[in-house]
Amino acid sequence: MSLADTGEKVKSLPASGSIVPKPTKDDKVMVITASYTDKGQEGTIPLTGMKTVVLKEKDQINLSKTFL
């Protein structure tokens, strides 16, 4: 593979997916981790990328108590 490579490119689908969480009453945090490993090239090892996202419950403020 090189910058001058004019070989035919194979089309692929974009990365996509969905998550349907099933939280319980006391769940406050969701940790989502995704990774992808390519096939590598001749003479190289496959590369892996990984990303983790932490979603936290938004703090609830009881405004009725604040203004009493």
Protein backbone atom coordinates (compact mmCIF):
# COMPACT_ATOMS: atom_id res chain seq x y z
CA MET A 1 0.00 0.00 0.00
CA SER A 2 1.31 3.45 -0.88
CA LEU A 3 0.08 6.96 -1.55
CA ALA A 4 0.31 6.20 -5.26
CA ASP A 5 -1.92 3.12 -4.93
CA THR A 6 -4.64 3.34 -7.56
CA GLY A 7 -6.14 -0.07 -6.85
CA GLU A 8 -9.89 -0.47 -6.61
CA LYS A 9 -11.29 0.57 -3.23
CA VAL A 10 -13.73 -1.75 -1.52
CA LYS A 11 -16.75 0.12 -0.17
CA SER A 12 -17.77 -0.55 3.40
CA LEU A 13 -20.66 0.46 5.58
CA PRO A 14 -20.16 3.28 8.08
CA ALA A 15 -19.77 2.34 11.73
CA SER A 16 -23.12 2.38 13.45
CA GLY A 17 -25.06 0.76 16.24
CA SER A 18 -27.49 1.33 19.03
CA ILE A 19 -27.75 0.62 22.72
CA VAL A 20 -30.97 -0.01 24.57
CA PRO A 21 -30.11 0.28 28.28
CA LYS A 22 -32.16 -1.51 30.90
CA PRO A 23 -31.29 0.46 34.04
CA THR A 24 -32.49 -0.46 37.48
CA LYS A 25 -33.83 2.08 39.97
CA ASP A 26 -30.44 2.74 41.57
CA ASP A 27 -28.30 2.97 38.41
CA LYS A 28 -26.48 6.33 38.26
CA VAL A 29 -23.73 5.68 35.69
CA MET A 30 -23.45 3.96 32.31
CA VAL A 31 -20.04 3.02 30.91
CA ILE A 32 -19.93 2.33 27.16
CA THR A 33 -16.78 0.90 25.60
CA ALA A 34 -16.34 0.26 21.89
CA SER A 35 -13.35 -1.07 19.98
CA TYR A 36 -12.40 -1.94 16.43
CA THR A 37 -9.49 -3.99 15.08
CA ASP A 38 -8.55 -3.79 11.41
CA LYS A 39 -7.16 -6.69 9.38
CA GLY A 40 -3.67 -5.25 9.10
CA GLN A 41 -1.52 -5.38 5.96
CA GLU A 42 1.17 -7.74 4.81
CA GLY A 43 4.13 -7.24 7.11
CA THR A 44 2.16 -5.32 9.75
CA ILE A 45 0.08 -6.24 12.74
CA PRO A 46 -3.61 -5.36 13.06
CA LEU A 47 -4.33 -2.04 14.77
CA THR A 48 -6.98 -1.62 17.44
CA GLY A 49 -8.73 1.57 18.47
CA MET A 50 -10.83 1.82 21.61
CA LYS A 51 -13.01 4.52 23.17
CA THR A 52 -14.82 4.57 26.52
CA VAL A 53 -17.56 7.04 27.43
CA VAL A 54 -18.99 7.46 30.93
CA LEU A 55 -22.53 8.84 31.19
CA LYS A 56 -23.63 10.06 34.60
CA GLU A 57 -27.12 10.76 35.88
CA LYS A 58 -27.89 14.45 35.87
CA ASP A 59 -28.33 15.85 39.38
CA GLN A 60 -31.96 16.49 40.18
CA ILE A 61 -32.80 19.75 41.97
CA ASN A 62 -36.11 20.08 43.76
CA LEU A 63 -36.98 23.70 42.97
CA SER A 64 -40.03 23.70 45.23
CA LYS A 65 -37.78 23.35 48.27
CA THR A 66 -35.31 25.96 46.96
CA PHE A 67 -37.91 28.77 46.91
CA LEU A 68 -39.70 28.00 50.18
